[in-house]
Amino acid sequence: MPGPRGLEHLQVMNLAAGDTRAAIDALRRRYGDAFVFGFGAIRFHWLLGAAANRFVLLEAASAFRNRQAYRFLEPIGGPTALIVSDEPEHMRRRRRVQPAFHRRHLRGWSEQALTAFEGWAEQALERRQLALQPSLRPVVLDLVLDVLLGPGTRARHPGLRDDLAAMMAFANQPFLAQLFRLPVPGLPWWRFTRARVRVDAVLHSEIARRRAAPEADARGGVLSLLLAGAADSPPLSDAEVRDQAVSLVAAGFDTTTAALTWCAFLLCDEALHERLAAAVRGVDPLAASALPEVDALWREAVRLYPPAPAILRISAEPVAWGDLHLPTAALVGLSTFHTHRDPALWREPERPRLERWLAPEGPWAAPRDPFAYLPFGYGARYCIGAGLARTLGGAWLAVMLARARWRTPHPEAVRPLGTTLSPPGGLPLTFERCAV
């Protein structure tokens, strides 16, 4: 595969250290939709575009593996988490987890979220100015904990939220920084491992408690559902239950908070805000959270700022894609961020347009190719918590659009940063109350 060499390679690596997406843009202009750069554990073979997504995720899927590609997440989620599981274990575990995210649970999740966000909204309006993402993170984390572990778990283990947040602080470091795992007091890896020990103790105590008295938790969340028996598949072990629970919490709250933050950024546009506010005005919040306009805004936010801006795989054998050849053990990156902004697929891709989703036959319609839009992955690897994330997003939008207007002081300076795309400064906003 083509790629930079010598001084150019060093320049690209320097650019990638601060902004990987800018480095990919530069290399794409020079080498096209396939190129390789990086060293050692961070040597990526990038394949860009819908055709590349289709090839890796469908046509040649059996030649690629998840486990080694996402091995860096194993310290958080554990060795049996879905994202680091290969077949057939992945499908066995997914069948046990999937029922806990059935649509019948959406209404209960929406009601919990509306209550929590109504309280948060009043505090935000009293303060008038805040950085949105760090302000929302603890609220979303509490909601995700209540949904996944049951609403009584936080009261029994008051330190759980802070420990999970400490674990995610390590995971949110740049990819290269995560490779430096020094057990030195005060350093990120040391703080991470101490927090993980406490989180594991909480999870195993909850698992033992619920196995001993399954009837005691009528509202035990996803955790209790994972422990419930199923006739069509063998039960999960305690270690597997722990890994699913921790990985779902870790994956769920940070990406959902980021997506909500980008929804708010798009709504700094006055015309778009007025359009959405008019749609929810006078509508019951539960119904408003599921309105087509609200759904379209969510879809545009995760198109422009996908929660997983890249999908990773490792080749298990030599693979040929046209005249390009991938060796065994090649680390492959598919950029959903670039796919979602590809002018060959999307009309004016940098511009948010609700009509992409509201008018499927219109000139702005989203592409029909399923590999052109992958904010939550594809097929059997589709994010199992995507419905929960959308439910929380709809609830926040329903609450805020009915109560407030907001703006950011320098919208032109807001650009996505980090592994989980986040705006600089957590998106500073100024709020003002509007009539309910």
Protein backbone atom coordinates (compact mmCIF):
# COMPACT_ATOMS: atom_id res chain seq x y z
CA MET A 1 0.00 0.00 0.00
CA PRO A 2 1.24 3.51 -0.66
CA GLY A 3 2.20 5.84 2.15
CA PRO A 4 4.66 8.51 3.27
CA ARG A 5 8.33 7.80 3.73
CA GLY A 6 11.27 9.48 5.45
CA LEU A 7 10.81 13.12 6.43
CA GLU A 8 7.25 13.21 5.06
CA HIS A 9 6.36 10.30 7.33
CA LEU A 10 7.74 12.10 10.38
CA GLN A 11 5.79 15.23 9.44
CA VAL A 12 2.58 13.24 9.06
CA MET A 13 3.12 11.50 12.40
CA ASN A 14 3.66 14.88 14.05
CA LEU A 15 0.40 16.14 12.55
CA ALA A 16 -1.44 12.95 13.57
CA ALA A 17 -0.30 13.33 17.18
CA GLY A 18 -2.46 16.44 17.44
CA ASP A 19 -5.16 15.76 14.85
CA THR A 20 -5.41 12.32 13.28
CA ARG A 21 -8.24 13.35 10.97
CA ALA A 22 -6.17 16.21 9.52
CA ALA A 23 -3.35 13.74 8.82
CA ILE A 24 -5.79 11.40 7.06
CA ASP A 25 -7.10 14.33 4.98
CA ALA A 26 -3.56 15.22 3.88
CA LEU A 27 -2.68 11.63 3.00
CA ARG A 28 -5.96 11.10 1.15
CA ARG A 29 -5.25 14.10 -1.06
CA ARG A 30 -1.87 12.65 -1.96
CA TYR A 31 -2.45 8.88 -2.06
CA GLY A 32 -6.18 8.40 -2.60
CA ASP A 33 -8.48 6.15 -0.55
CA ALA A 34 -5.88 3.62 0.63
CA PHE A 35 -2.59 4.28 2.41
CA VAL A 36 -0.48 3.19 5.36
CA PHE A 37 1.39 5.19 7.97
CA GLY A 38 2.62 4.85 11.53
CA PHE A 39 5.07 2.66 13.43
CA GLY A 40 4.78 -0.60 15.37
CA ALA A 41 1.53 -0.91 17.29
CA ILE A 42 0.16 2.25 15.66
CA ARG A 43 0.90 1.38 12.03
CA PHE A 44 -2.52 1.81 10.42
CA HIS A 45 -3.63 0.68 6.97
CA TRP A 46 -6.43 3.14 6.16
CA LEU A 47 -9.14 2.17 3.67
CA LEU A 48 -11.58 5.00 3.03
CA GLY A 49 -15.05 5.18 1.53
CA ALA A 50 -18.22 3.12 1.32
CA ALA A 51 -16.67 0.49 -0.97
CA ALA A 52 -13.86 -0.13 1.54
CA ASN A 53 -16.39 -0.37 4.38
CA ARG A 54 -18.39 -2.93 2.42
CA PHE A 55 -15.30 -4.99 1.62
CA VAL A 56 -13.97 -5.20 5.19
CA LEU A 57 -17.29 -5.46 7.06
CA LEU A 58 -19.16 -7.75 4.66
CA GLU A 59 -17.44 -9.16 1.61
CA ALA A 60 -14.19 -10.22 3.32
CA ALA A 61 -15.40 -10.09 6.92
CA SER A 62 -14.18 -13.63 7.68
CA ALA A 63 -10.61 -12.52 6.96
CA PHE A 64 -10.63 -9.90 9.73
CA ARG A 65 -10.73 -10.03 13.53
CA ASN A 66 -11.89 -7.64 16.25
CA ARG A 67 -10.03 -8.91 19.27
CA GLN A 68 -6.50 -7.85 18.43
CA ALA A 69 -7.66 -4.56 16.89
CA TYR A 70 -9.43 -3.48 20.07
CA ARG A 71 -7.05 -5.11 22.53
CA PHE A 72 -6.26 -1.68 24.00
CA LEU A 73 -9.82 -1.61 25.43
CA GLU A 74 -9.43 -4.93 27.25
CA PRO A 75 -8.13 -3.39 30.51
CA ILE A 76 -11.48 -1.58 30.83
CA GLY A 77 -14.09 -4.00 29.52
CA GLY A 78 -12.22 -7.22 30.20
CA PRO A 79 -11.27 -10.11 27.90
CA THR A 80 -14.86 -11.24 27.24
CA ALA A 81 -16.43 -7.84 26.38
CA LEU A 82 -18.33 -7.89 23.09
CA ILE A 83 -15.95 -5.51 21.32
CA VAL A 84 -12.92 -7.76 21.97
CA SER A 85 -14.77 -11.03 21.27
CA ASP A 86 -14.32 -12.90 17.99
CA GLU A 87 -16.70 -15.49 16.61
CA PRO A 88 -18.24 -17.76 17.73
CA GLU A 89 -17.95 -16.37 21.28
CA HIS A 90 -19.06 -12.91 20.19
CA MET A 91 -22.40 -14.15 18.88
CA ARG A 92 -23.01 -16.38 21.91
CA ARG A 93 -22.47 -13.46 24.27
CA ARG A 94 -24.41 -11.03 22.11
CA ARG A 95 -27.47 -13.31 22.11
CA ARG A 96 -27.43 -13.20 25.90
CA VAL A 97 -27.04 -9.41 26.06
CA GLN A 98 -29.36 -8.36 23.22
CA PRO A 99 -32.74 -8.97 24.98
CA ALA A 100 -31.79 -6.48 27.70
CA PHE A 101 -31.88 -3.73 25.03
CA HIS A 102 -35.25 -4.64 23.54
CA ARG A 103 -37.53 -1.81 22.39
CA ARG A 104 -39.99 -2.54 25.20
CA HIS A 105 -37.54 -0.92 27.63
CA LEU A 106 -37.39 2.40 25.75
CA ARG A 107 -40.33 4.07 27.48
CA GLY A 108 -38.92 3.43 30.95
CA TRP A 109 -35.52 4.75 29.89
CA SER A 110 -37.15 7.87 28.41
CA GLU A 111 -39.05 8.60 31.62
CA GLN A 112 -35.89 8.25 33.72
CA ALA A 113 -33.97 10.50 31.35
CA LEU A 114 -36.64 13.19 31.19
CA THR A 115 -36.70 13.48 34.98
CA ALA A 116 -32.91 13.70 35.23
CA PHE A 117 -32.55 16.23 32.41
CA GLU A 118 -35.34 18.45 33.74
CA GLY A 119 -33.38 18.85 36.96
CA TRP A 120 -30.16 19.50 35.06
CA ALA A 121 -31.87 22.05 32.78
CA GLU A 122 -33.02 24.17 35.71
CA GLN A 123 -29.49 24.25 37.12
CA ALA A 124 -28.05 25.20 33.72
CA LEU A 125 -30.55 28.01 33.29
CA GLU A 126 -29.75 29.33 36.76
CA ARG A 127 -26.04 29.36 36.01
CA ARG A 128 -26.55 30.76 32.46
CA GLN A 129 -23.00 29.87 31.38
CA LEU A 130 -21.25 26.51 31.42
CA ALA A 131 -19.14 24.09 29.42
CA LEU A 132 -21.73 21.60 28.25
CA GLN A 133 -19.86 18.32 27.94
CA PRO A 134 -18.24 18.18 31.42
CA SER A 135 -21.53 19.39 32.94
CA LEU A 136 -23.55 16.65 31.23
CA ARG A 137 -21.10 13.77 31.79
CA PRO A 138 -22.04 12.99 35.42
CA VAL A 139 -25.78 13.22 34.64
CA VAL A 140 -25.47 10.86 31.69
CA LEU A 141 -23.22 8.54 33.69
CA ASP A 142 -25.80 8.34 36.48
CA LEU A 143 -28.53 7.56 33.93
CA VAL A 144 -26.44 4.87 32.25
CA LEU A 145 -25.56 3.35 35.64
CA ASP A 146 -29.24 3.27 36.65
CA VAL A 147 -30.29 1.69 33.35
CA LEU A 148 -27.48 -0.86 33.23
CA LEU A 149 -26.96 -1.69 36.91
CA GLY A 150 -30.33 -0.75 38.42
CA PRO A 151 -31.31 2.48 40.20
CA GLY A 152 -30.33 1.20 43.67
CA THR A 153 -26.72 0.41 42.80
CA ARG A 154 -25.37 3.95 43.07
CA ALA A 155 -26.84 4.35 46.56
CA ARG A 156 -25.19 1.12 47.71
CA HIS A 157 -21.83 2.08 46.17
CA PRO A 158 -21.43 5.88 46.24
CA GLY A 159 -17.86 5.78 44.94
CA LEU A 160 -18.74 3.84 41.78
CA ARG A 161 -19.36 6.89 39.58
CA ASP A 162 -15.99 8.48 40.35
CA ASP A 163 -14.12 5.23 39.82
CA LEU A 164 -15.73 4.64 36.42
CA ALA A 165 -14.98 8.21 35.43
CA ALA A 166 -11.34 7.66 36.44
CA MET A 167 -11.17 4.56 34.25
CA MET A 168 -12.56 6.47 31.28
CA ALA A 169 -10.07 9.30 31.83
CA PHE A 170 -7.33 6.82 30.95
CA ALA A 171 -9.23 5.50 27.92
CA ASN A 172 -9.74 9.04 26.60
CA GLN A 173 -6.02 9.71 26.35
CA PRO A 174 -4.48 9.72 22.86
CA PHE A 175 -3.96 6.22 21.50
CA LEU A 176 -0.17 6.37 21.81
CA ALA A 177 -0.34 7.62 25.41
CA GLN A 178 -2.41 4.57 26.39
CA LEU A 179 0.52 2.33 25.51
CA PHE A 180 2.59 3.77 28.39
CA ARG A 181 1.28 1.73 31.29
CA LEU A 182 3.61 2.61 34.12
CA PRO A 183 2.48 1.52 37.62
CA VAL A 184 3.93 4.67 39.21
CA PRO A 185 1.83 6.40 41.90
CA GLY A 186 0.06 9.44 40.52
CA LEU A 187 0.39 8.50 36.84
CA PRO A 188 -2.72 7.70 34.70
CA TRP A 189 -2.19 3.92 34.56
CA TRP A 190 -1.73 3.72 38.34
CA ARG A 191 -4.95 5.70 38.92
CA PHE A 192 -6.74 3.53 36.38
CA THR A 193 -5.74 0.20 37.92
CA ARG A 194 -6.70 1.31 41.44
CA ALA A 195 -10.12 2.46 40.21
CA ARG A 196 -10.61 -0.81 38.28
CA VAL A 197 -9.99 -2.90 41.40
CA ARG A 198 -12.75 -1.00 43.22
CA VAL A 199 -15.16 -1.22 40.26
CA ASP A 200 -14.58 -4.96 39.97
CA ALA A 201 -15.28 -5.41 43.68
CA VAL A 202 -18.60 -3.58 43.29
CA LEU A 203 -19.65 -5.56 40.23
CA HIS A 204 -18.81 -8.95 41.74
CA SER A 205 -20.62 -8.07 44.96
CA GLU A 206 -23.71 -7.07 42.95
CA ILE A 207 -23.53 -10.24 40.87
CA ALA A 208 -23.30 -12.40 44.00
CA ARG A 209 -26.13 -10.48 45.66
CA ARG A 210 -28.47 -10.93 42.70
CA ARG A 211 -27.61 -14.56 42.10
CA ALA A 212 -28.43 -15.25 45.76
CA ALA A 213 -31.76 -13.37 45.67
CA PRO A 214 -32.86 -12.73 42.05
CA GLU A 215 -36.33 -11.67 43.16
CA ALA A 216 -34.94 -8.84 45.32
CA ASP A 217 -34.32 -6.49 42.38
CA ALA A 218 -37.57 -5.90 40.54
CA ARG A 219 -35.85 -3.00 38.75
CA GLY A 220 -32.35 -4.40 38.61
CA GLY A 221 -31.45 -2.97 35.22
CA VAL A 222 -29.58 -4.69 32.44
CA LEU A 223 -27.29 -6.42 34.96
CA SER A 224 -30.17 -8.45 36.42
CA LEU A 225 -31.38 -9.30 32.92
CA LEU A 226 -27.92 -10.62 32.05
CA LEU A 227 -28.09 -12.91 35.09
CA ALA A 228 -31.58 -14.21 34.24
CA GLY A 229 -31.78 -17.66 32.71
CA ALA A 230 -32.43 -18.22 29.01
CA ALA A 231 -33.58 -21.45 27.43
CA ASP A 232 -31.92 -20.87 24.06
CA SER A 233 -28.32 -20.22 25.17
CA PRO A 234 -25.99 -21.12 28.05
CA PRO A 235 -25.75 -18.54 30.86
CA LEU A 236 -22.92 -16.08 31.14
CA SER A 237 -20.26 -16.68 33.77
CA ASP A 238 -19.68 -14.12 36.53
CA ALA A 239 -16.59 -12.88 34.67
CA GLU A 240 -18.58 -12.50 31.44
CA VAL A 241 -21.37 -10.60 33.22
CA ARG A 242 -18.81 -8.28 34.82
CA ASP A 243 -17.15 -7.61 31.45
CA GLN A 244 -20.43 -6.89 29.64
CA ALA A 245 -21.62 -4.56 32.41
CA VAL A 246 -18.40 -2.54 32.68
CA SER A 247 -17.84 -2.31 28.92
CA LEU A 248 -21.45 -1.20 28.32
CA VAL A 249 -21.19 1.53 30.96
CA ALA A 250 -17.79 2.68 29.71
CA ALA A 251 -18.83 2.69 26.07
CA GLY A 252 -22.24 4.20 26.74
CA PHE A 253 -21.86 7.31 28.82
CA ASP A 254 -18.91 9.03 27.17
CA THR A 255 -20.03 8.55 23.57
CA THR A 256 -23.61 9.53 24.44
CA THR A 257 -22.44 12.70 26.20
CA ALA A 258 -20.32 13.59 23.17
CA ALA A 259 -23.25 13.03 20.80
CA LEU A 260 -25.53 15.21 22.95
CA THR A 261 -22.88 17.94 22.96
CA TRP A 262 -22.72 17.91 19.16
CA CYS A 263 -26.53 18.06 18.96
CA ALA A 264 -26.34 21.21 21.08
CA PHE A 265 -23.62 22.64 18.85
CA LEU A 266 -25.75 22.18 15.73
CA LEU A 267 -28.63 23.91 17.53
CA CYS A 268 -26.50 27.00 18.09
CA ASP A 269 -27.73 27.80 14.57
CA GLU A 270 -30.79 30.00 15.23
CA ALA A 271 -32.82 28.84 12.25
CA LEU A 272 -32.27 25.17 13.05
CA HIS A 273 -33.04 25.77 16.73
CA GLU A 274 -36.30 27.56 15.91
CA ARG A 275 -37.35 24.76 13.59
CA LEU A 276 -36.81 22.11 16.28
CA ALA A 277 -38.31 24.27 19.03
CA ALA A 278 -41.44 24.81 16.95
CA ALA A 279 -41.74 21.05 16.46
CA VAL A 280 -41.67 20.27 20.20
CA ARG A 281 -43.68 23.29 21.34
CA GLY A 282 -46.84 22.16 23.15
CA VAL A 283 -45.99 18.47 22.70
CA ASP A 284 -45.76 16.09 25.67
CA PRO A 285 -42.03 15.61 26.41
CA LEU A 286 -42.22 11.83 26.06
CA ALA A 287 -43.77 12.19 22.61
CA ALA A 288 -41.48 15.08 21.70
CA SER A 289 -38.39 12.97 22.34
CA ALA A 290 -39.45 10.62 19.53
CA LEU A 291 -40.52 13.24 16.94
CA PRO A 292 -39.11 12.76 13.40
CA GLU A 293 -37.44 16.18 13.54
CA VAL A 294 -35.67 15.28 16.79
CA ASP A 295 -34.60 11.95 15.31
CA ALA A 296 -33.30 13.70 12.18
CA LEU A 297 -31.19 16.09 14.25
CA TRP A 298 -29.71 13.17 16.20
CA ARG A 299 -28.90 11.38 12.94
CA GLU A 300 -27.18 14.47 11.54
CA ALA A 301 -25.18 14.99 14.72
CA VAL A 302 -23.82 11.43 14.69
CA ARG A 303 -23.21 11.68 10.95
CA LEU A 304 -21.04 14.76 11.27
CA TYR A 305 -19.52 13.69 14.60
CA PRO A 306 -19.77 9.88 14.82
CA PRO A 307 -19.31 8.41 18.33
CA ALA A 308 -16.84 5.92 16.85
CA PRO A 309 -14.97 7.97 14.21
CA ALA A 310 -13.06 4.87 13.10
CA ILE A 311 -13.75 1.13 12.89
CA LEU A 312 -10.72 -1.09 13.44
CA ARG A 313 -9.90 -4.64 12.31
CA ILE A 314 -6.84 -6.92 12.17
CA SER A 315 -6.31 -9.10 9.11
CA ALA A 316 -6.11 -12.80 10.03
CA GLU A 317 -4.61 -13.73 6.65
CA PRO A 318 -3.23 -11.99 3.55
CA VAL A 319 -6.05 -10.04 1.90
CA ALA A 320 -6.28 -8.48 -1.56
CA TRP A 321 -8.62 -5.60 -2.37
CA GLY A 322 -8.25 -4.90 -6.04
CA ASP A 323 -4.53 -4.36 -6.66
CA LEU A 324 -3.87 -3.55 -3.00
CA HIS A 325 -2.54 -6.22 -0.67
CA LEU A 326 -2.77 -6.39 3.11
CA PRO A 327 -0.39 -8.72 4.94
CA THR A 328 -1.44 -10.92 7.85
CA ALA A 329 -1.79 -8.97 11.10
CA ALA A 330 -2.32 -5.62 9.35
CA LEU A 331 -4.14 -3.09 11.54
CA VAL A 332 -6.92 -1.72 9.31
CA GLY A 333 -8.76 1.54 9.93
CA LEU A 334 -12.09 2.47 8.32
CA SER A 335 -12.89 6.14 8.88
CA THR A 336 -16.61 6.65 9.50
CA PHE A 337 -15.80 10.34 10.01
CA HIS A 338 -14.54 10.65 6.44
CA THR A 339 -17.22 8.39 4.99
CA HIS A 340 -19.92 10.58 6.50
CA ARG A 341 -18.35 13.69 4.93
CA ASP A 342 -17.56 12.21 1.53
CA PRO A 343 -18.87 14.54 -1.23
CA ALA A 344 -19.14 11.51 -3.53
CA LEU A 345 -21.83 10.15 -1.18
CA TRP A 346 -23.43 13.21 0.44
CA ARG A 347 -24.61 16.50 -1.02
CA GLU A 348 -22.82 19.36 0.77
CA PRO A 349 -21.63 16.92 3.42
CA GLU A 350 -20.32 19.55 5.87
CA ARG A 351 -23.76 21.17 6.14
CA PRO A 352 -26.36 19.78 8.58
CA ARG A 353 -29.67 19.14 6.79
CA LEU A 354 -32.65 17.44 8.45
CA GLU A 355 -34.03 16.67 4.98
CA ARG A 356 -31.47 13.93 4.61
CA TRP A 357 -33.71 11.91 6.94
CA LEU A 358 -37.10 13.60 6.64
CA ALA A 359 -37.34 13.52 2.83
CA PRO A 360 -35.91 10.19 1.66
CA GLU A 361 -36.89 10.88 -1.95
CA GLY A 362 -35.70 14.50 -1.99
CA PRO A 363 -32.48 16.02 -3.35
CA TRP A 364 -30.83 15.98 0.09
CA ALA A 365 -31.70 12.37 0.85
CA ALA A 366 -29.12 10.22 2.63
CA PRO A 367 -27.43 7.61 0.42
CA ARG A 368 -29.21 4.27 0.19
CA ASP A 369 -25.90 2.42 0.49
CA PRO A 370 -25.80 1.10 4.11
CA PHE A 371 -22.00 1.43 4.09
CA ALA A 372 -22.23 5.20 3.61
CA TYR A 373 -23.61 5.75 7.13
CA LEU A 374 -22.11 3.77 10.00
CA PRO A 375 -22.24 5.85 13.20
CA PHE A 376 -22.83 2.70 15.28
CA GLY A 377 -21.17 0.04 13.13
CA TYR A 378 -22.73 -2.63 10.94
CA GLY A 379 -24.46 -5.99 11.09
CA ALA A 380 -23.72 -8.31 14.01
CA ARG A 381 -21.25 -5.69 15.26
CA TYR A 382 -23.84 -2.89 15.34
CA CYS A 383 -23.60 -1.07 18.68
CA ILE A 384 -25.87 -2.90 21.09
CA GLY A 385 -26.54 0.28 23.07
CA ALA A 386 -27.43 2.52 20.11
CA GLY A 387 -31.12 2.54 21.06
CA LEU A 388 -30.31 3.62 24.61
CA ALA A 389 -28.07 6.43 23.34
CA ARG A 390 -30.79 7.67 20.97
CA THR A 391 -33.36 7.55 23.79
CA LEU A 392 -31.20 9.66 26.09
CA GLY A 393 -30.47 12.08 23.25
CA GLY A 394 -34.15 12.51 22.42
CA ALA A 395 -35.01 13.13 26.06
CA TRP A 396 -32.36 15.85 26.45
CA LEU A 397 -33.45 17.58 23.25
CA ALA A 398 -37.13 17.45 24.23
CA VAL A 399 -36.38 19.05 27.61
CA MET A 400 -33.99 21.73 26.39
CA LEU A 401 -35.78 22.82 23.22
CA ALA A 402 -38.90 23.55 25.26
CA ARG A 403 -37.02 25.61 27.84
CA ALA A 404 -33.99 27.36 26.49
CA ARG A 405 -31.98 28.97 23.73
CA TRP A 406 -28.21 28.87 23.73
CA ARG A 407 -25.18 30.01 21.82
CA THR A 408 -21.45 29.41 21.82
CA PRO A 409 -19.10 32.41 21.73
CA HIS A 410 -16.82 31.24 18.91
CA PRO A 411 -18.62 28.65 16.73
CA GLU A 412 -15.99 28.93 14.01
CA ALA A 413 -13.35 27.58 16.42
CA VAL A 414 -15.30 24.42 17.33
CA ARG A 415 -13.71 21.37 15.73
CA PRO A 416 -13.71 17.73 16.80
CA LEU A 417 -10.80 16.46 18.88
CA GLY A 418 -9.85 13.18 20.53
CA THR A 419 -10.67 9.50 20.14
CA THR A 420 -14.28 10.09 21.18
CA LEU A 421 -14.94 13.25 19.20
CA SER A 422 -15.28 16.19 21.55
CA PRO A 423 -15.37 19.97 21.03
CA PRO A 424 -12.57 22.09 22.52
CA GLY A 425 -13.32 23.28 26.02
CA GLY A 426 -16.31 20.97 26.30
CA LEU A 427 -18.39 23.47 24.24
CA PRO A 428 -18.85 26.66 26.31
CA LEU A 429 -22.49 27.79 26.06
CA THR A 430 -24.57 30.73 27.26
CA PHE A 431 -28.20 29.84 28.05
CA GLU A 432 -31.30 31.94 28.22
CA ARG A 433 -34.75 30.81 29.34
CA CYS A 434 -37.67 30.82 26.93
CA ALA A 435 -41.36 30.36 27.75
CA VAL A 436 -42.41 26.77 28.36
